[in-house]
Amino acid sequence: MVNAEHSALIEALLSEGYKLVIKSHPNQALDSGEALTCPGVSAMQLLLVADYLITDYSAIALEAAAAGVKTFYYLFDSERYREHTGVN
């Protein structure tokens, strides 16, 4: 499910003409609306053709760095994360 923060980001990117591919965590289901999901393609395969990666706290950022993909961190829940988990 897409929350309000995710919806706003998705709409903003699509309205600017970006092609958005969402690859959610295997334990997560995400209805992405107009964005592509590519269920049969691995995250690593998608990194090979990506211009940018948008992620939260995921380890995929390390793979993106190794592949030379520019990464943006989308920390929509950072306050809640700090309260319950702490930032590493």
PDB file of N, CA and C in Angstrom:
ATOM      1  N   MET A   1       0.843  -1.173   0.000  1.00  0.00           N
ATOM      2  CA  MET A   1       0.000   0.000   0.000  1.00  0.00           C
ATOM      3  C   MET A   1       0.895   1.244   0.000  1.00  0.00           C
ATOM      4  N   VAL A   2       0.482   2.247  -0.720  1.00  0.00           N
ATOM      5  CA  VAL A   2       1.229   3.494  -0.802  1.00  0.00           C
ATOM      6  C   VAL A   2       0.655   4.465   0.218  1.00  0.00           C
ATOM      7  N   ASN A   3       1.506   5.024   1.090  1.00  0.00           N
ATOM      8  CA  ASN A   3       1.015   6.021   2.032  1.00  0.00           C
ATOM      9  C   ASN A   3       1.071   7.399   1.374  1.00  0.00           C
ATOM     10  N   ALA A   4       0.618   8.418   2.069  1.00  0.00           N
ATOM     11  CA  ALA A   4       0.539   9.764   1.494  1.00  0.00           C
ATOM     12  C   ALA A   4       1.903  10.293   1.082  1.00  0.00           C
ATOM     13  N   GLU A   5       2.931  10.015   1.883  1.00  0.00           N
ATOM     14  CA  GLU A   5       4.269  10.485   1.548  1.00  0.00           C
ATOM     15  C   GLU A   5       4.780   9.837   0.266  1.00  0.00           C
ATOM     16  N   HIS A   6       4.571   8.522   0.147  1.00  0.00           N
ATOM     17  CA  HIS A   6       4.998   7.827  -1.066  1.00  0.00           C
ATOM     18  C   HIS A   6       4.218   8.337  -2.272  1.00  0.00           C
ATOM     19  N   SER A   7       2.916   8.515  -2.114  1.00  0.00           N
ATOM     20  CA  SER A   7       2.074   9.000  -3.209  1.00  0.00           C
ATOM     21  C   SER A   7       2.558  10.338  -3.730  1.00  0.00           C
ATOM     22  N   ALA A   8       2.891  11.246  -2.828  1.00  0.00           N
ATOM     23  CA  ALA A   8       3.350  12.576  -3.231  1.00  0.00           C
ATOM     24  C   ALA A   8       4.655  12.478  -4.016  1.00  0.00           C
ATOM     25  N   LEU A   9       5.570  11.638  -3.580  1.00  0.00           N
ATOM     26  CA  LEU A   9       6.835  11.471  -4.284  1.00  0.00           C
ATOM     27  C   LEU A   9       6.607  10.858  -5.664  1.00  0.00           C
ATOM     28  N   ILE A  10       5.811   9.817  -5.733  1.00  0.00           N
ATOM     29  CA  ILE A  10       5.523   9.156  -7.007  1.00  0.00           C
ATOM     30  C   ILE A  10       4.904  10.145  -7.990  1.00  0.00           C
ATOM     31  N   GLU A  11       3.897  10.880  -7.549  1.00  0.00           N
ATOM     32  CA  GLU A  11       3.236  11.849  -8.434  1.00  0.00           C
ATOM     33  C   GLU A  11       4.186  12.945  -8.881  1.00  0.00           C
ATOM     34  N   ALA A  12       5.025  13.427  -7.983  1.00  0.00           N
ATOM     35  CA  ALA A  12       5.981  14.491  -8.336  1.00  0.00           C
ATOM     36  C   ALA A  12       6.959  14.004  -9.399  1.00  0.00           C
ATOM     37  N   LEU A  13       7.480  12.807  -9.244  1.00  0.00           N
ATOM     38  CA  LEU A  13       8.431  12.275 -10.219  1.00  0.00           C
ATOM     39  C   LEU A  13       7.777  12.033 -11.572  1.00  0.00           C
ATOM     40  N   LEU A  14       6.589  11.446 -11.558  1.00  0.00           N
ATOM     41  CA  LEU A  14       5.890  11.182 -12.812  1.00  0.00           C
ATOM     42  C   LEU A  14       5.511  12.481 -13.520  1.00  0.00           C
ATOM     43  N   SER A  15       5.121  13.492 -12.754  1.00  0.00           N
ATOM     44  CA  SER A  15       4.724  14.764 -13.369  1.00  0.00           C
ATOM     45  C   SER A  15       5.912  15.492 -13.999  1.00  0.00           C
ATOM     46  N   GLU A  16       7.130  15.174 -13.558  1.00  0.00           N
ATOM     47  CA  GLU A  16       8.338  15.765 -14.129  1.00  0.00           C
ATOM     48  C   GLU A  16       8.857  14.965 -15.323  1.00  0.00           C
ATOM     49  N   GLY A  17       8.155  13.889 -15.667  1.00  0.00           N
ATOM     50  CA  GLY A  17       8.535  13.107 -16.838  1.00  0.00           C
ATOM     51  C   GLY A  17       9.476  11.950 -16.580  1.00  0.00           C
ATOM     52  N   TYR A  18       9.763  11.669 -15.317  1.00  0.00           N
ATOM     53  CA  TYR A  18      10.625  10.528 -15.005  1.00  0.00           C
ATOM     54  C   TYR A  18       9.861   9.232 -15.233  1.00  0.00           C
ATOM     55  N   LYS A  19      10.566   8.205 -15.635  1.00  0.00           N
ATOM     56  CA  LYS A  19      10.019   6.852 -15.694  1.00  0.00           C
ATOM     57  C   LYS A  19      10.392   6.197 -14.380  1.00  0.00           C
ATOM     58  N   LEU A  20       9.414   5.807 -13.627  1.00  0.00           N
ATOM     59  CA  LEU A  20       9.637   5.310 -12.270  1.00  0.00           C
ATOM     60  C   LEU A  20       9.388   3.809 -12.209  1.00  0.00           C
ATOM     61  N   VAL A  21      10.380   3.091 -11.706  1.00  0.00           N
ATOM     62  CA  VAL A  21      10.255   1.655 -11.475  1.00  0.00           C
ATOM     63  C   VAL A  21      10.367   1.439  -9.982  1.00  0.00           C
ATOM     64  N   ILE A  22       9.370   0.778  -9.417  1.00  0.00           N
ATOM     65  CA  ILE A  22       9.376   0.514  -7.978  1.00  0.00           C
ATOM     66  C   ILE A  22       9.652  -0.960  -7.757  1.00  0.00           C
ATOM     67  N   LYS A  23      10.666  -1.221  -6.970  1.00  0.00           N
ATOM     68  CA  LYS A  23      11.008  -2.590  -6.588  1.00  0.00           C
ATOM     69  C   LYS A  23      10.955  -2.628  -5.073  1.00  0.00           C
ATOM     70  N   SER A  24       9.859  -3.083  -4.549  1.00  0.00           N
ATOM     71  CA  SER A  24       9.724  -3.091  -3.092  1.00  0.00           C
ATOM     72  C   SER A  24      10.379  -4.334  -2.497  1.00  0.00           C
ATOM     73  N   HIS A  25      10.602  -4.262  -1.211  1.00  0.00           N
ATOM     74  CA  HIS A  25      11.182  -5.375  -0.467  1.00  0.00           C
ATOM     75  C   HIS A  25      10.282  -6.607  -0.630  1.00  0.00           C
ATOM     76  N   PRO A  26      10.858  -7.799  -0.695  1.00  0.00           N
ATOM     77  CA  PRO A  26      10.036  -9.011  -0.857  1.00  0.00           C
ATOM     78  C   PRO A  26       8.958  -9.183   0.214  1.00  0.00           C
ATOM     79  N   ASN A  27       9.160  -8.629   1.397  1.00  0.00           N
ATOM     80  CA  ASN A  27       8.162  -8.736   2.463  1.00  0.00           C
ATOM     81  C   ASN A  27       7.118  -7.627   2.413  1.00  0.00           C
ATOM     82  N   GLN A  28       7.177  -6.794   1.400  1.00  0.00           N
ATOM     83  CA  GLN A  28       6.302  -5.646   1.280  1.00  0.00           C
ATOM     84  C   GLN A  28       5.501  -5.732   0.000  1.00  0.00           C
ATOM     85  N   ALA A  29       4.251  -5.362   0.071  1.00  0.00           N
ATOM     86  CA  ALA A  29       3.437  -5.244  -1.138  1.00  0.00           C
ATOM     87  C   ALA A  29       3.203  -3.757  -1.354  1.00  0.00           C
ATOM     88  N   LEU A  30       3.364  -3.314  -2.578  1.00  0.00           N
ATOM     89  CA  LEU A  30       3.223  -1.893  -2.860  1.00  0.00           C
ATOM     90  C   LEU A  30       2.427  -1.715  -4.131  1.00  0.00           C
ATOM     91  N   ASP A  31       1.302  -1.041  -4.038  1.00  0.00           N
ATOM     92  CA  ASP A  31       0.515  -0.689  -5.211  1.00  0.00           C
ATOM     93  C   ASP A  31       1.074   0.624  -5.717  1.00  0.00           C
ATOM     94  N   SER A  32       1.728   0.580  -6.848  1.00  0.00           N
ATOM     95  CA  SER A  32       2.474   1.740  -7.312  1.00  0.00           C
ATOM     96  C   SER A  32       1.721   2.632  -8.271  1.00  0.00           C
ATOM     97  N   GLY A  33       0.486   2.336  -8.579  1.00  0.00           N
ATOM     98  CA  GLY A  33      -0.270   3.182  -9.498  1.00  0.00           C
ATOM     99  C   GLY A  33       0.344   3.162 -10.886  1.00  0.00           C
ATOM    100  N   GLU A  34       0.789   4.312 -11.359  1.00  0.00           N
ATOM    101  CA  GLU A  34       1.321   4.436 -12.716  1.00  0.00           C
ATOM    102  C   GLU A  34       2.773   3.987 -12.858  1.00  0.00           C
ATOM    103  N   ALA A  35       3.466   3.781 -11.775  1.00  0.00           N
ATOM    104  CA  ALA A  35       4.866   3.357 -11.847  1.00  0.00           C
ATOM    105  C   ALA A  35       4.949   1.897 -12.262  1.00  0.00           C
ATOM    106  N   LEU A  36       6.046   1.531 -12.876  1.00  0.00           N
ATOM    107  CA  LEU A  36       6.286   0.139 -13.266  1.00  0.00           C
ATOM    108  C   LEU A  36       6.773  -0.645 -12.056  1.00  0.00           C
ATOM    109  N   THR A  37       6.511  -1.946 -12.039  1.00  0.00           N
ATOM    110  CA  THR A  37       6.977  -2.767 -10.923  1.00  0.00           C
ATOM    111  C   THR A  37       7.968  -3.850 -11.336  1.00  0.00           C
ATOM    112  N   CYS A  38       7.944  -4.334 -12.542  1.00  0.00           N
ATOM    113  CA  CYS A  38       8.900  -5.324 -13.059  1.00  0.00           C
ATOM    114  C   CYS A  38       9.099  -6.504 -12.115  1.00  0.00           C
ATOM    115  N   PRO A  39       8.048  -7.263 -11.814  1.00  0.00           N
ATOM    116  CA  PRO A  39       8.167  -8.336 -10.827  1.00  0.00           C
ATOM    117  C   PRO A  39       9.163  -9.429 -11.183  1.00  0.00           C
ATOM    118  N   GLY A  40       9.432  -9.672 -12.457  1.00  0.00           N
ATOM    119  CA  GLY A  40      10.344 -10.738 -12.847  1.00  0.00           C
ATOM    120  C   GLY A  40      11.792 -10.303 -12.970  1.00  0.00           C
ATOM    121  N   VAL A  41      12.091  -9.073 -12.577  1.00  0.00           N
ATOM    122  CA  VAL A  41      13.437  -8.526 -12.718  1.00  0.00           C
ATOM    123  C   VAL A  41      13.999  -8.255 -11.324  1.00  0.00           C
ATOM    124  N   SER A  42      15.242  -8.648 -11.105  1.00  0.00           N
ATOM    125  CA  SER A  42      15.843  -8.446  -9.784  1.00  0.00           C
ATOM    126  C   SER A  42      16.252  -6.984  -9.589  1.00  0.00           C
ATOM    127  N   ALA A  43      16.408  -6.601  -8.338  1.00  0.00           N
ATOM    128  CA  ALA A  43      16.860  -5.241  -8.020  1.00  0.00           C
ATOM    129  C   ALA A  43      18.241  -4.984  -8.610  1.00  0.00           C
ATOM    130  N   MET A  44      19.100  -5.979  -8.590  1.00  0.00           N
ATOM    131  CA  MET A  44      20.438  -5.818  -9.155  1.00  0.00           C
ATOM    132  C   MET A  44      20.385  -5.600 -10.663  1.00  0.00           C
ATOM    133  N   GLN A  45      19.500  -6.298 -11.346  1.00  0.00           N
ATOM    134  CA  GLN A  45      19.342  -6.089 -12.781  1.00  0.00           C
ATOM    135  C   GLN A  45      18.828  -4.677 -13.068  1.00  0.00           C
ATOM    136  N   LEU A  46      17.918  -4.199 -12.247  1.00  0.00           N
ATOM    137  CA  LEU A  46      17.384  -2.847 -12.440  1.00  0.00           C
ATOM    138  C   LEU A  46      18.456  -1.791 -12.221  1.00  0.00           C
ATOM    139  N   LEU A  47      19.361  -2.032 -11.284  1.00  0.00           N
ATOM    140  CA  LEU A  47      20.443  -1.074 -11.052  1.00  0.00           C
ATOM    141  C   LEU A  47      21.321  -0.886 -12.291  1.00  0.00           C
ATOM    142  N   LEU A  48      21.437  -1.912 -13.100  1.00  0.00           N
ATOM    143  CA  LEU A  48      22.281  -1.837 -14.297  1.00  0.00           C
ATOM    144  C   LEU A  48      21.748  -0.851 -15.327  1.00  0.00           C
ATOM    145  N   VAL A  49      20.452  -0.539 -15.262  1.00  0.00           N
ATOM    146  CA  VAL A  49      19.860   0.387 -16.231  1.00  0.00           C
ATOM    147  C   VAL A  49      19.316   1.660 -15.570  1.00  0.00           C
ATOM    148  N   ALA A  50      19.495   1.788 -14.275  1.00  0.00           N
ATOM    149  CA  ALA A  50      18.948   2.933 -13.538  1.00  0.00           C
ATOM    150  C   ALA A  50      19.874   4.143 -13.622  1.00  0.00           C
ATOM    151  N   ASP A  51      19.264   5.311 -13.739  1.00  0.00           N
ATOM    152  CA  ASP A  51      20.023   6.558 -13.625  1.00  0.00           C
ATOM    153  C   ASP A  51      20.162   6.963 -12.165  1.00  0.00           C
ATOM    154  N   TYR A  52      19.127   6.671 -11.381  1.00  0.00           N
ATOM    155  CA  TYR A  52      19.081   7.055  -9.967  1.00  0.00           C
ATOM    156  C   TYR A  52      18.408   5.949  -9.175  1.00  0.00           C
ATOM    157  N   LEU A  53      18.748   5.895  -7.903  1.00  0.00           N
ATOM    158  CA  LEU A  53      18.073   5.011  -6.953  1.00  0.00           C
ATOM    159  C   LEU A  53      17.519   5.886  -5.852  1.00  0.00           C
ATOM    160  N   ILE A  54      16.280   5.652  -5.489  1.00  0.00           N
ATOM    161  CA  ILE A  54      15.684   6.297  -4.317  1.00  0.00           C
ATOM    162  C   ILE A  54      15.409   5.177  -3.328  1.00  0.00           C
ATOM    163  N   THR A  55      15.967   5.299  -2.133  1.00  0.00           N
ATOM    164  CA  THR A  55      15.814   4.248  -1.136  1.00  0.00           C
ATOM    165  C   THR A  55      15.658   4.864   0.245  1.00  0.00           C
ATOM    166  N   ASP A  56      15.331   4.029   1.196  1.00  0.00           N
ATOM    167  CA  ASP A  56      15.240   4.518   2.571  1.00  0.00           C
ATOM    168  C   ASP A  56      16.487   4.059   3.315  1.00  0.00           C
ATOM    169  N   TYR A  57      16.387   3.046   4.123  1.00  0.00           N
ATOM    170  CA  TYR A  57      17.525   2.591   4.920  1.00  0.00           C
ATOM    171  C   TYR A  57      18.088   1.287   4.377  1.00  0.00           C
ATOM    172  N   SER A  58      17.749   0.953   3.166  1.00  0.00           N
ATOM    173  CA  SER A  58      18.052  -0.350   2.610  1.00  0.00           C
ATOM    174  C   SER A  58      19.514  -0.511   2.201  1.00  0.00           C
ATOM    175  N   ALA A  59      19.979  -1.749   2.270  1.00  0.00           N
ATOM    176  CA  ALA A  59      21.335  -2.086   1.860  1.00  0.00           C
ATOM    177  C   ALA A  59      21.532  -1.975   0.357  1.00  0.00           C
ATOM    178  N   ILE A  60      20.461  -1.839  -0.425  1.00  0.00           N
ATOM    179  CA  ILE A  60      20.597  -1.675  -1.874  1.00  0.00           C
ATOM    180  C   ILE A  60      21.447  -0.447  -2.194  1.00  0.00           C
ATOM    181  N   ALA A  61      21.520   0.492  -1.275  1.00  0.00           N
ATOM    182  CA  ALA A  61      22.346   1.687  -1.487  1.00  0.00           C
ATOM    183  C   ALA A  61      23.817   1.322  -1.663  1.00  0.00           C
ATOM    184  N   LEU A  62      24.267   0.270  -1.000  1.00  0.00           N
ATOM    185  CA  LEU A  62      25.660  -0.169  -1.145  1.00  0.00           C
ATOM    186  C   LEU A  62      25.905  -0.730  -2.540  1.00  0.00           C
ATOM    187  N   GLU A  63      24.958  -1.513  -3.036  1.00  0.00           N
ATOM    188  CA  GLU A  63      25.085  -2.051  -4.388  1.00  0.00           C
ATOM    189  C   GLU A  63      25.039  -0.936  -5.419  1.00  0.00           C
ATOM    190  N   ALA A  64      24.182   0.062  -5.187  1.00  0.00           N
ATOM    191  CA  ALA A  64      24.091   1.201  -6.102  1.00  0.00           C
ATOM    192  C   ALA A  64      25.403   1.971  -6.134  1.00  0.00           C
ATOM    193  N   ALA A  65      26.018   2.149  -4.984  1.00  0.00           N
ATOM    194  CA  ALA A  65      27.298   2.853  -4.928  1.00  0.00           C
ATOM    195  C   ALA A  65      28.358   2.093  -5.723  1.00  0.00           C
ATOM    196  N   ALA A  66      28.387   0.778  -5.565  1.00  0.00           N
ATOM    197  CA  ALA A  66      29.353  -0.041  -6.295  1.00  0.00           C
ATOM    198  C   ALA A  66      29.107   0.005  -7.800  1.00  0.00           C
ATOM    199  N   ALA A  67      27.831   0.157  -8.194  1.00  0.00           N
ATOM    200  CA  ALA A  67      27.470   0.216  -9.611  1.00  0.00           C
ATOM    201  C   ALA A  67      27.563   1.632 -10.171  1.00  0.00           C
ATOM    202  N   GLY A  68      27.862   2.608  -9.313  1.00  0.00           N
ATOM    203  CA  GLY A  68      27.974   3.991  -9.771  1.00  0.00           C
ATOM    204  C   GLY A  68      26.643   4.672 -10.016  1.00  0.00           C
ATOM    205  N   VAL A  69      25.581   4.180  -9.380  1.00  0.00           N
ATOM    206  CA  VAL A  69      24.246   4.765  -9.540  1.00  0.00           C
ATOM    207  C   VAL A  69      24.045   5.826  -8.463  1.00  0.00           C
ATOM    208  N   LYS A  70      23.681   7.020  -8.871  1.00  0.00           N
ATOM    209  CA  LYS A  70      23.424   8.101  -7.923  1.00  0.00           C
ATOM    210  C   LYS A  70      22.237   7.721  -7.045  1.00  0.00           C
ATOM    211  N   THR A  71      22.394   7.949  -5.738  1.00  0.00           N
ATOM    212  CA  THR A  71      21.384   7.511  -4.782  1.00  0.00           C
ATOM    213  C   THR A  71      20.823   8.684  -3.995  1.00  0.00           C
ATOM    214  N   PHE A  72      19.495   8.681  -3.860  1.00  0.00           N
ATOM    215  CA  PHE A  72      18.795   9.645  -3.023  1.00  0.00           C
ATOM    216  C   PHE A  72      18.154   8.874  -1.883  1.00  0.00           C
ATOM    217  N   TYR A  73      18.298   9.395  -0.676  1.00  0.00           N
ATOM    218  CA  TYR A  73      17.702   8.755   0.484  1.00  0.00           C
ATOM    219  C   TYR A  73      16.387   9.440   0.805  1.00  0.00           C
ATOM    220  N   TYR A  74      15.319   8.658   0.791  1.00  0.00           N
ATOM    221  CA  TYR A  74      13.973   9.149   1.059  1.00  0.00           C
ATOM    222  C   TYR A  74      13.604   8.699   2.471  1.00  0.00           C
ATOM    223  N   LEU A  75      13.815   9.578   3.434  1.00  0.00           N
ATOM    224  CA  LEU A  75      13.628   9.235   4.847  1.00  0.00           C
ATOM    225  C   LEU A  75      12.341   9.856   5.379  1.00  0.00           C
ATOM    226  N   PHE A  76      11.233   9.434   4.804  1.00  0.00           N
ATOM    227  CA  PHE A  76       9.934  10.004   5.150  1.00  0.00           C
ATOM    228  C   PHE A  76       9.536   9.733   6.595  1.00  0.00           C
ATOM    229  N   ASP A  77      10.096   8.725   7.208  1.00  0.00           N
ATOM    230  CA  ASP A  77       9.720   8.360   8.579  1.00  0.00           C
ATOM    231  C   ASP A  77      10.897   8.450   9.541  1.00  0.00           C
ATOM    232  N   SER A  78      11.813   9.374   9.301  1.00  0.00           N
ATOM    233  CA  SER A  78      13.048   9.425  10.090  1.00  0.00           C
ATOM    234  C   SER A  78      12.788   9.702  11.571  1.00  0.00           C
ATOM    235  N   GLU A  79      11.831  10.539  11.883  1.00  0.00           N
ATOM    236  CA  GLU A  79      11.544  10.817  13.298  1.00  0.00           C
ATOM    237  C   GLU A  79      11.069   9.555  14.017  1.00  0.00           C
ATOM    238  N   ARG A  80      10.144   8.834  13.411  1.00  0.00           N
ATOM    239  CA  ARG A  80       9.639   7.597  14.009  1.00  0.00           C
ATOM    240  C   ARG A  80      10.756   6.560  14.088  1.00  0.00           C
ATOM    241  N   TYR A  81      11.586   6.491  13.070  1.00  0.00           N
ATOM    242  CA  TYR A  81      12.696   5.537  13.043  1.00  0.00           C
ATOM    243  C   TYR A  81      13.673   5.823  14.178  1.00  0.00           C
ATOM    244  N   ARG A  82      14.001   7.086  14.382  1.00  0.00           N
ATOM    245  CA  ARG A  82      14.922   7.452  15.474  1.00  0.00           C
ATOM    246  C   ARG A  82      14.356   7.080  16.834  1.00  0.00           C
ATOM    247  N   GLU A  83      13.061   7.291  17.003  1.00  0.00           N
ATOM    248  CA  GLU A  83      12.420   6.990  18.292  1.00  0.00           C
ATOM    249  C   GLU A  83      12.418   5.505  18.603  1.00  0.00           C
ATOM    250  N   HIS A  84      12.248   4.664  17.567  1.00  0.00           N
ATOM    251  CA  HIS A  84      12.060   3.231  17.805  1.00  0.00           C
ATOM    252  C   HIS A  84      13.277   2.375  17.479  1.00  0.00           C
ATOM    253  N   THR A  85      14.138   2.828  16.575  1.00  0.00           N
ATOM    254  CA  THR A  85      15.249   1.993  16.151  1.00  0.00           C
ATOM    255  C   THR A  85      16.581   2.669  16.365  1.00  0.00           C
ATOM    256  N   GLY A  86      16.621   3.952  16.131  1.00  0.00           N
ATOM    257  CA  GLY A  86      17.880   4.664  16.166  1.00  0.00           C
ATOM    258  C   GLY A  86      18.508   4.699  14.792  1.00  0.00           C
ATOM    259  N   VAL A  87      19.234   5.723  14.509  1.00  0.00           N
ATOM    260  CA  VAL A  87      19.889   5.827  13.221  1.00  0.00           C
ATOM    261  C   VAL A  87      21.312   5.322  13.379  1.00  0.00           C
ATOM    262  N   ASN A  88      21.696   4.403  12.527  1.00  0.00           N
ATOM    263  CA  ASN A  88      23.032   3.791  12.618  1.00  0.00           C
ATOM    264  C   ASN A  88      24.109   4.767  12.225  1.00  0.00           C
TER     265      ASN A  88
END
